[in-house]
């Protein structure tokens, strides 16, 4: 019952948002220190390049964290990244190598 009360007042959502902000900050720290970022299919396993991305947390992460990371890699680094992380479907590989390349 207490959980229902918290949900009614938005506490659970607020707690989720605070946790996401902390995680997002950690992602920024990784980029700034040159660390590798996990790919979209790991961070958001139910995501798909075919169906697009939800607005909100997923889209913010994709546009502000992962895409700048991906674009910072050269062609050789991108190939090694895809070999390491093995996209779960060919559409991911195609989308990354055709749509998200800016050198």
N, C-alpha and C. Protein backbone atom coordinates (compact mmCIF):
# COMPACT_ATOMS: atom_id res chain seq x y z
N UNK A 1 0.82 -1.19 0.00
CA UNK A 1 0.00 0.00 0.00
C UNK A 1 0.87 1.27 0.00
N UNK A 2 1.95 1.22 0.76
CA UNK A 2 2.84 2.38 0.81
C UNK A 2 3.42 2.69 -0.57
N UNK A 3 3.76 1.64 -1.31
CA UNK A 3 4.28 1.84 -2.67
C UNK A 3 3.25 2.56 -3.54
N UNK A 4 1.99 2.18 -3.41
CA UNK A 4 0.91 2.81 -4.19
C UNK A 4 0.82 4.31 -3.85
N UNK A 5 0.95 4.64 -2.60
CA UNK A 5 0.92 6.04 -2.18
C UNK A 5 2.08 6.80 -2.82
N UNK A 6 3.29 6.21 -2.77
CA UNK A 6 4.45 6.85 -3.38
C UNK A 6 4.24 7.03 -4.87
N UNK A 7 3.69 6.02 -5.54
CA UNK A 7 3.42 6.13 -6.97
C UNK A 7 2.42 7.24 -7.26
N UNK A 8 1.39 7.34 -6.43
CA UNK A 8 0.38 8.39 -6.62
C UNK A 8 0.98 9.79 -6.52
N UNK A 9 2.00 9.93 -5.69
CA UNK A 9 2.65 11.23 -5.52
C UNK A 9 3.85 11.41 -6.45
N UNK A 10 4.12 10.42 -7.30
CA UNK A 10 5.22 10.54 -8.24
C UNK A 10 6.59 10.26 -7.67
N UNK A 11 6.67 9.75 -6.44
CA UNK A 11 7.97 9.53 -5.82
C UNK A 11 8.78 8.49 -6.58
N UNK A 12 8.16 7.41 -6.98
CA UNK A 12 8.87 6.35 -7.68
C UNK A 12 9.45 6.89 -8.98
N UNK A 13 8.67 7.64 -9.73
CA UNK A 13 9.16 8.23 -10.96
C UNK A 13 10.30 9.20 -10.69
N UNK A 14 10.17 9.97 -9.64
CA UNK A 14 11.24 10.91 -9.29
C UNK A 14 12.51 10.16 -8.93
N UNK A 15 12.38 9.09 -8.18
CA UNK A 15 13.54 8.28 -7.82
C UNK A 15 14.17 7.68 -9.08
N UNK A 16 13.36 7.20 -9.99
CA UNK A 16 13.85 6.65 -11.25
C UNK A 16 14.61 7.73 -12.02
N UNK A 17 14.05 8.92 -12.06
CA UNK A 17 14.70 10.01 -12.78
C UNK A 17 16.04 10.37 -12.15
N UNK A 18 16.10 10.41 -10.82
CA UNK A 18 17.35 10.72 -10.14
C UNK A 18 18.41 9.66 -10.43
N UNK A 19 18.00 8.41 -10.44
CA UNK A 19 18.93 7.33 -10.77
C UNK A 19 19.41 7.45 -12.21
N UNK A 20 18.50 7.80 -13.11
CA UNK A 20 18.89 7.96 -14.50
C UNK A 20 19.87 9.13 -14.65
N UNK A 21 19.61 10.22 -13.96
CA UNK A 21 20.52 11.37 -14.03
C UNK A 21 21.92 10.98 -13.56
N UNK A 22 22.00 10.21 -12.51
CA UNK A 22 23.30 9.76 -12.00
C UNK A 22 24.00 8.89 -13.05
N UNK A 23 23.26 7.96 -13.65
CA UNK A 23 23.82 7.09 -14.67
C UNK A 23 24.25 7.90 -15.89
N UNK A 24 23.42 8.86 -16.30
CA UNK A 24 23.73 9.70 -17.45
C UNK A 24 25.02 10.48 -17.20
N UNK A 25 25.18 11.01 -16.00
CA UNK A 25 26.40 11.71 -15.63
C UNK A 25 27.62 10.81 -15.71
N UNK A 26 27.45 9.55 -15.33
CA UNK A 26 28.54 8.58 -15.42
C UNK A 26 28.90 8.32 -16.89
N UNK A 27 27.91 8.29 -17.75
CA UNK A 27 28.15 8.12 -19.18
C UNK A 27 28.96 9.30 -19.73
N UNK A 28 28.62 10.50 -19.31
CA UNK A 28 29.37 11.69 -19.74
C UNK A 28 30.81 11.62 -19.25
N UNK A 29 30.99 11.19 -18.00
CA UNK A 29 32.34 11.04 -17.46
C UNK A 29 33.16 10.06 -18.30
N UNK A 30 32.53 8.94 -18.69
CA UNK A 30 33.23 7.95 -19.51
C UNK A 30 33.68 8.56 -20.84
N UNK A 31 32.79 9.28 -21.48
CA UNK A 31 33.15 9.91 -22.76
C UNK A 31 34.30 10.89 -22.56
N UNK A 32 34.21 11.71 -21.53
CA UNK A 32 35.24 12.71 -21.29
C UNK A 32 36.59 12.10 -20.95
N UNK A 33 36.59 10.89 -20.41
CA UNK A 33 37.86 10.24 -20.06
C UNK A 33 38.31 9.26 -21.15
N UNK A 34 37.59 9.23 -22.28
CA UNK A 34 38.00 8.39 -23.40
C UNK A 34 37.62 6.93 -23.26
N UNK A 35 36.74 6.61 -22.34
CA UNK A 35 36.31 5.22 -22.16
C UNK A 35 35.27 4.83 -23.20
N UNK A 36 35.16 3.53 -23.40
CA UNK A 36 34.18 3.01 -24.35
C UNK A 36 32.78 3.03 -23.75
N UNK A 37 31.81 3.31 -24.59
CA UNK A 37 30.40 3.31 -24.19
C UNK A 37 29.75 2.05 -24.76
N UNK A 38 28.91 1.42 -23.97
CA UNK A 38 28.19 0.25 -24.46
C UNK A 38 27.24 0.65 -25.58
N UNK A 39 26.98 -0.26 -26.52
CA UNK A 39 26.11 0.07 -27.65
C UNK A 39 24.63 0.11 -27.27
N UNK A 40 23.83 0.70 -28.13
CA UNK A 40 22.39 0.84 -27.85
C UNK A 40 21.69 -0.49 -27.57
N UNK A 41 22.08 -1.55 -28.26
CA UNK A 41 21.40 -2.84 -28.07
C UNK A 41 21.74 -3.49 -26.74
N UNK A 42 22.75 -3.00 -26.04
CA UNK A 42 23.07 -3.47 -24.69
C UNK A 42 22.36 -2.58 -23.67
N UNK A 43 22.50 -1.27 -23.84
CA UNK A 43 21.91 -0.31 -22.89
C UNK A 43 20.39 -0.38 -22.92
N UNK A 44 19.82 -0.45 -24.12
CA UNK A 44 18.37 -0.55 -24.29
C UNK A 44 18.09 -1.79 -25.14
N UNK A 45 18.08 -2.98 -24.52
CA UNK A 45 18.01 -4.23 -25.28
C UNK A 45 16.75 -4.41 -26.12
N UNK A 46 15.71 -3.69 -25.85
CA UNK A 46 14.49 -3.82 -26.64
C UNK A 46 14.41 -2.77 -27.75
N UNK A 47 15.50 -2.06 -27.95
CA UNK A 47 15.53 -1.03 -28.98
C UNK A 47 15.78 -1.65 -30.35
N UNK A 48 15.46 -0.90 -31.36
CA UNK A 48 15.65 -1.35 -32.74
C UNK A 48 15.91 -0.15 -33.63
N UNK A 49 16.84 -0.26 -34.55
CA UNK A 49 17.05 0.86 -35.47
C UNK A 49 15.91 0.99 -36.46
N UNK A 50 15.16 -0.05 -36.64
CA UNK A 50 14.07 -0.08 -37.62
C UNK A 50 12.88 0.75 -37.14
N UNK A 51 12.54 0.62 -35.86
CA UNK A 51 11.33 1.24 -35.32
C UNK A 51 11.59 2.57 -34.65
N UNK A 52 12.81 3.04 -34.64
CA UNK A 52 13.10 4.33 -34.04
C UNK A 52 13.24 4.25 -32.53
N UNK A 53 13.36 5.41 -31.95
CA UNK A 53 13.60 5.50 -30.52
C UNK A 53 12.51 6.32 -29.86
N UNK A 54 12.20 5.93 -28.63
CA UNK A 54 11.23 6.69 -27.84
C UNK A 54 11.84 8.03 -27.45
N UNK A 55 11.01 9.02 -27.36
CA UNK A 55 11.48 10.29 -26.84
C UNK A 55 11.71 10.11 -25.35
N UNK A 56 12.54 10.92 -24.79
CA UNK A 56 12.81 10.83 -23.37
C UNK A 56 14.19 10.26 -23.10
N UNK A 57 14.29 9.38 -22.12
CA UNK A 57 15.57 8.85 -21.68
C UNK A 57 16.36 8.21 -22.82
N UNK A 58 15.72 7.34 -23.59
CA UNK A 58 16.43 6.63 -24.66
C UNK A 58 16.98 7.61 -25.69
N UNK A 59 16.14 8.49 -26.16
CA UNK A 59 16.56 9.43 -27.19
C UNK A 59 17.65 10.38 -26.66
N UNK A 60 17.51 10.84 -25.43
CA UNK A 60 18.53 11.72 -24.85
C UNK A 60 19.88 11.03 -24.79
N UNK A 61 19.88 9.77 -24.37
CA UNK A 61 21.13 9.03 -24.30
C UNK A 61 21.71 8.81 -25.69
N UNK A 62 20.86 8.39 -26.63
CA UNK A 62 21.33 8.11 -27.98
C UNK A 62 21.95 9.35 -28.62
N UNK A 63 21.27 10.48 -28.54
CA UNK A 63 21.74 11.69 -29.22
C UNK A 63 22.89 12.38 -28.50
N UNK A 64 22.92 12.31 -27.18
CA UNK A 64 23.91 13.08 -26.42
C UNK A 64 25.09 12.27 -25.90
N UNK A 65 24.97 10.97 -25.88
CA UNK A 65 26.04 10.13 -25.36
C UNK A 65 26.57 9.21 -26.45
N UNK A 66 25.71 8.30 -26.89
CA UNK A 66 26.23 7.26 -27.77
C UNK A 66 26.60 7.77 -29.16
N UNK A 67 25.76 8.56 -29.78
CA UNK A 67 26.04 9.04 -31.13
C UNK A 67 27.33 9.87 -31.19
N UNK A 68 27.58 10.81 -30.27
CA UNK A 68 28.87 11.51 -30.30
C UNK A 68 30.05 10.55 -30.10
N UNK A 69 29.86 9.54 -29.23
CA UNK A 69 30.92 8.55 -29.05
C UNK A 69 31.19 7.83 -30.37
N UNK A 70 30.14 7.33 -31.03
CA UNK A 70 30.27 6.60 -32.28
C UNK A 70 30.94 7.46 -33.35
N UNK A 71 30.52 8.70 -33.43
CA UNK A 71 31.06 9.60 -34.45
C UNK A 71 32.53 9.96 -34.19
N UNK A 72 32.97 9.79 -32.95
CA UNK A 72 34.37 10.09 -32.63
C UNK A 72 35.32 8.97 -33.05
N UNK A 73 34.76 7.81 -33.39
CA UNK A 73 35.60 6.68 -33.79
C UNK A 73 35.93 6.75 -35.28
N UNK A 74 37.14 6.34 -35.64
CA UNK A 74 37.46 6.24 -37.06
C UNK A 74 36.94 4.90 -37.58
N UNK A 75 37.06 4.67 -38.88
CA UNK A 75 36.49 3.48 -39.51
C UNK A 75 37.04 2.19 -38.90
N UNK A 76 38.32 2.15 -38.62
CA UNK A 76 38.94 0.97 -38.03
C UNK A 76 38.40 0.72 -36.62
N UNK A 77 38.29 1.78 -35.83
CA UNK A 77 37.76 1.66 -34.47
C UNK A 77 36.31 1.20 -34.49
N UNK A 78 35.53 1.69 -35.43
CA UNK A 78 34.13 1.27 -35.55
C UNK A 78 34.02 -0.21 -35.87
N UNK A 79 34.86 -0.67 -36.78
CA UNK A 79 34.85 -2.09 -37.14
C UNK A 79 35.19 -2.95 -35.93
N UNK A 80 36.23 -2.57 -35.19
CA UNK A 80 36.61 -3.32 -33.98
C UNK A 80 35.51 -3.29 -32.94
N UNK A 81 34.85 -2.16 -32.80
CA UNK A 81 33.75 -2.03 -31.85
C UNK A 81 32.62 -3.00 -32.21
N UNK A 82 32.26 -3.04 -33.49
CA UNK A 82 31.19 -3.93 -33.93
C UNK A 82 31.59 -5.40 -33.80
N UNK A 83 32.86 -5.70 -33.97
CA UNK A 83 33.33 -7.08 -33.77
C UNK A 83 33.25 -7.46 -32.29
N UNK A 84 33.57 -6.52 -31.44
CA UNK A 84 33.52 -6.79 -29.99
C UNK A 84 32.09 -6.94 -29.48
N UNK A 85 31.21 -6.05 -29.90
CA UNK A 85 29.86 -5.99 -29.34
C UNK A 85 28.81 -6.75 -30.15
N UNK A 86 29.12 -7.27 -31.30
CA UNK A 86 28.21 -8.09 -32.12
C UNK A 86 26.75 -7.63 -32.07
N UNK A 87 26.36 -6.79 -32.98
CA UNK A 87 24.95 -6.36 -33.03
C UNK A 87 24.02 -7.58 -33.10
N UNK A 88 22.90 -7.54 -32.40
CA UNK A 88 22.00 -8.69 -32.34
C UNK A 88 21.22 -8.93 -33.63
N UNK A 89 21.20 -7.94 -34.50
CA UNK A 89 20.52 -8.11 -35.79
C UNK A 89 21.30 -7.33 -36.84
N UNK A 90 21.26 -7.81 -38.05
CA UNK A 90 22.00 -7.18 -39.14
C UNK A 90 21.56 -5.73 -39.37
N UNK A 91 20.31 -5.43 -39.05
CA UNK A 91 19.82 -4.06 -39.22
C UNK A 91 20.63 -3.06 -38.40
N UNK A 92 21.09 -3.46 -37.22
CA UNK A 92 21.93 -2.56 -36.42
C UNK A 92 23.23 -2.25 -37.16
N UNK A 93 23.90 -3.29 -37.65
CA UNK A 93 25.17 -3.09 -38.34
C UNK A 93 24.96 -2.17 -39.56
N UNK A 94 23.92 -2.44 -40.32
CA UNK A 94 23.64 -1.63 -41.50
C UNK A 94 23.34 -0.18 -41.12
N UNK A 95 22.52 -0.01 -40.11
CA UNK A 95 22.16 1.33 -39.68
C UNK A 95 23.38 2.12 -39.21
N UNK A 96 24.25 1.46 -38.47
CA UNK A 96 25.45 2.13 -37.96
C UNK A 96 26.43 2.47 -39.07
N UNK A 97 26.58 1.59 -40.02
CA UNK A 97 27.59 1.81 -41.06
C UNK A 97 27.08 2.66 -42.21
N UNK A 98 25.78 2.78 -42.35
CA UNK A 98 25.23 3.59 -43.45
C UNK A 98 24.74 4.95 -42.94
N UNK A 99 23.98 4.96 -41.86
CA UNK A 99 23.30 6.18 -41.41
C UNK A 99 24.09 7.02 -40.41
N UNK A 100 24.92 6.41 -39.60
CA UNK A 100 25.55 7.15 -38.50
C UNK A 100 27.03 7.41 -38.71
N UNK A 101 27.47 7.44 -39.91
CA UNK A 101 28.89 7.68 -40.15
C UNK A 101 29.10 9.16 -40.47
N UNK A 102 29.95 9.77 -39.70
CA UNK A 102 30.43 11.13 -39.98
C UNK A 102 31.91 11.12 -39.66
N UNK A 103 32.70 11.21 -40.65
CA UNK A 103 34.16 11.18 -40.41
C UNK A 103 34.77 12.55 -40.60
